[in-house]
Amino acid sequence: MGVLKHYVIIGRMLHCCGNNEYPRWKERLLEACGQSAGEHILNIRKWVISAGSSMNPQYVAQPNCWEFMACHGTKDAPCPARNDRAFNGTHGGNNAGRACWMVKGTRCADSTQETLQEKTALCGQCDFMRSVRNDEPAGDFRIMP
């Protein structure tokens, strides 16, 4: 079995066993597989999310942020990216699901970013944003509204 497939299988087990919030999942995967999995973490995450449909690495989902990060907001405060239709279709996402960094008021890293300036500082380090950037053809990636 190839190393990447092994990482995906472990990642899927972690995901199905309740370790699906991205930061916790990533930490557990690196503990289980070692730091060598780190260079493939974005693709492993996408394959894990795609695994419900296919284990074929040729089929890789382009998940929305709430799928990639396993974030569902709260009952009292639903995620604005999930409901913001202004960016529907951007980078192939549902609503602002693949452009969450352009929406004020999203909750990431256990805090809410109310301004685009706050978002820029945090989102520039985000694995999900890197994943979307990697998926887009050169010059097609939108960083600001």
Protein backbone atom coordinates (compact mmCIF):
# COMPACT_ATOMS: atom_id res chain seq x y z
CA MET A 1 0.00 0.00 0.00
CA GLY A 2 1.32 3.45 -0.86
CA VAL A 3 2.29 5.81 1.92
CA LEU A 4 -0.32 8.43 0.93
CA LYS A 5 -3.09 5.84 0.89
CA HIS A 6 -1.98 4.73 4.36
CA TYR A 7 -2.17 8.36 5.56
CA VAL A 8 -5.66 8.74 4.06
CA ILE A 9 -6.88 5.55 5.75
CA ILE A 10 -5.58 6.74 9.13
CA GLY A 11 -7.01 10.20 8.49
CA ARG A 12 -10.40 8.68 7.64
CA MET A 13 -10.37 6.56 10.81
CA LEU A 14 -9.61 9.66 12.88
CA HIS A 15 -12.35 11.59 11.09
CA CYS A 16 -14.94 8.86 11.71
CA CYS A 17 -13.96 8.44 15.37
CA GLY A 18 -14.88 11.98 16.32
CA ASN A 19 -11.56 13.69 15.62
CA ASN A 20 -13.01 15.63 12.71
CA GLU A 21 -12.44 19.27 13.74
CA TYR A 22 -9.49 20.22 11.54
CA PRO A 23 -6.93 21.38 14.17
CA ARG A 24 -7.52 18.30 16.34
CA TRP A 25 -7.60 15.97 13.32
CA LYS A 26 -4.33 17.41 11.97
CA GLU A 27 -2.62 17.05 15.35
CA ARG A 28 -3.76 13.42 15.75
CA LEU A 29 -2.77 12.53 12.18
CA LEU A 30 0.73 13.90 12.66
CA GLU A 31 1.00 11.99 15.96
CA ALA A 32 -0.05 8.76 14.24
CA CYS A 33 1.88 9.12 10.98
CA GLY A 34 4.81 11.34 11.88
CA GLN A 35 5.83 14.69 10.49
CA SER A 36 6.33 13.23 7.00
CA ALA A 37 2.53 13.37 6.59
CA GLY A 38 2.69 17.14 7.10
CA GLU A 39 3.85 17.91 3.57
CA HIS A 40 0.73 16.17 2.22
CA ILE A 41 -1.77 17.34 4.86
CA LEU A 42 -3.96 19.42 2.51
CA ASN A 43 -4.43 16.60 0.01
CA ILE A 44 -4.91 14.03 2.77
CA ARG A 45 -7.70 16.16 4.25
CA LYS A 46 -9.43 16.53 0.87
CA TRP A 47 -9.13 12.77 0.20
CA VAL A 48 -10.54 12.00 3.65
CA ILE A 49 -13.54 14.23 2.94
CA SER A 50 -13.92 12.62 -0.50
CA ALA A 51 -13.69 9.09 0.90
CA GLY A 52 -17.44 8.90 1.42
CA SER A 53 -17.80 8.97 -2.36
CA SER A 54 -14.63 7.28 -3.54
CA MET A 55 -11.21 6.17 -2.29
CA ASN A 56 -9.81 6.92 -5.74
CA PRO A 57 -7.22 9.73 -5.40
CA GLN A 58 -8.25 10.88 -8.90
CA TYR A 59 -11.53 12.06 -7.33
CA VAL A 60 -10.76 14.79 -4.85
CA ALA A 61 -13.49 16.99 -3.47
CA GLN A 62 -13.20 20.74 -3.38
CA PRO A 63 -14.73 21.09 0.08
CA ASN A 64 -16.27 24.21 1.55
CA CYS A 65 -14.58 25.66 4.64
CA TRP A 66 -17.09 24.14 7.06
CA GLU A 67 -16.44 20.68 5.55
CA PHE A 68 -12.65 21.03 5.53
CA MET A 69 -12.51 22.49 9.05
CA ALA A 70 -15.48 20.42 10.35
CA CYS A 71 -16.98 23.63 11.68
CA HIS A 72 -20.70 24.04 11.91
CA GLY A 73 -21.03 27.32 13.77
CA THR A 74 -23.38 27.38 16.71
CA LYS A 75 -27.12 27.32 17.04
CA ASP A 76 -27.08 30.95 18.23
CA ALA A 77 -24.48 32.10 15.70
CA PRO A 78 -24.53 30.31 12.35
CA CYS A 79 -21.45 30.86 10.25
CA PRO A 80 -21.81 33.87 7.93
CA ALA A 81 -19.80 32.10 5.20
CA ARG A 82 -22.44 29.40 5.03
CA ASN A 83 -25.19 31.92 4.33
CA ASP A 84 -23.40 34.64 2.33
CA ARG A 85 -24.68 34.29 -1.22
CA ALA A 86 -22.56 37.19 -2.51
CA PHE A 87 -19.66 34.77 -3.08
CA ASN A 88 -21.71 31.77 -4.24
CA GLY A 89 -19.66 29.86 -6.80
CA THR A 90 -16.40 31.65 -6.01
CA HIS A 91 -13.64 29.05 -6.36
CA GLY A 92 -16.41 26.45 -6.87
CA GLY A 93 -17.88 26.82 -3.37
CA ASN A 94 -21.40 26.95 -2.02
CA ASN A 95 -22.21 30.47 -0.86
CA ALA A 96 -18.89 31.71 0.60
CA GLY A 97 -17.67 28.20 1.40
CA ARG A 98 -14.48 28.57 -0.64
CA ALA A 99 -14.07 32.31 -0.02
CA CYS A 100 -14.65 32.49 3.75
CA TRP A 101 -11.70 34.88 4.18
CA MET A 102 -13.74 37.52 2.34
CA VAL A 103 -16.65 37.41 4.81
CA LYS A 104 -16.65 39.41 8.04
CA GLY A 105 -17.77 37.72 11.24
CA THR A 106 -16.60 34.17 10.60
CA ARG A 107 -15.33 32.22 13.58
CA CYS A 108 -11.88 30.68 13.15
CA ALA A 109 -9.23 29.62 15.63
CA ASP A 110 -11.72 30.04 18.49
CA SER A 111 -12.34 33.72 17.81
CA THR A 112 -14.57 35.82 15.60
CA GLN A 113 -12.93 38.09 13.05
CA GLU A 114 -15.15 41.17 12.70
CA THR A 115 -12.97 43.10 10.25
CA LEU A 116 -11.18 42.21 7.03
CA GLN A 117 -7.94 43.39 8.66
CA GLU A 118 -8.36 40.79 11.44
CA LYS A 119 -9.20 38.16 8.83
CA THR A 120 -6.17 38.97 6.70
CA ALA A 121 -3.81 38.31 9.62
CA LEU A 122 -5.39 34.98 10.53
CA CYS A 123 -6.43 33.68 7.10
CA GLY A 124 -2.99 34.19 5.60
CA GLN A 125 -1.82 31.29 7.82
CA CYS A 126 -4.87 29.07 7.25
CA ASP A 127 -4.45 25.60 5.72
CA PHE A 128 -7.90 25.80 4.14
CA MET A 129 -7.06 29.05 2.33
CA ARG A 130 -3.79 27.48 1.14
CA SER A 131 -5.73 24.48 -0.11
CA VAL A 132 -8.10 26.66 -2.15
CA ARG A 133 -5.19 28.70 -3.50
CA ASN A 134 -3.45 25.47 -4.57
CA ASP A 135 -6.62 24.28 -6.33
CA GLU A 136 -7.01 27.42 -8.43
CA PRO A 137 -5.23 28.07 -11.74
CA ALA A 138 -2.57 30.78 -11.51
CA GLY A 139 -4.14 34.22 -11.46
CA ASP A 140 -7.67 33.01 -10.64
CA PHE A 141 -7.38 33.10 -6.85
CA ARG A 142 -9.36 35.94 -5.21
CA ILE A 143 -8.07 37.17 -1.87
CA MET A 144 -10.27 40.26 -1.46
CA PRO A 145 -13.90 40.99 -2.36
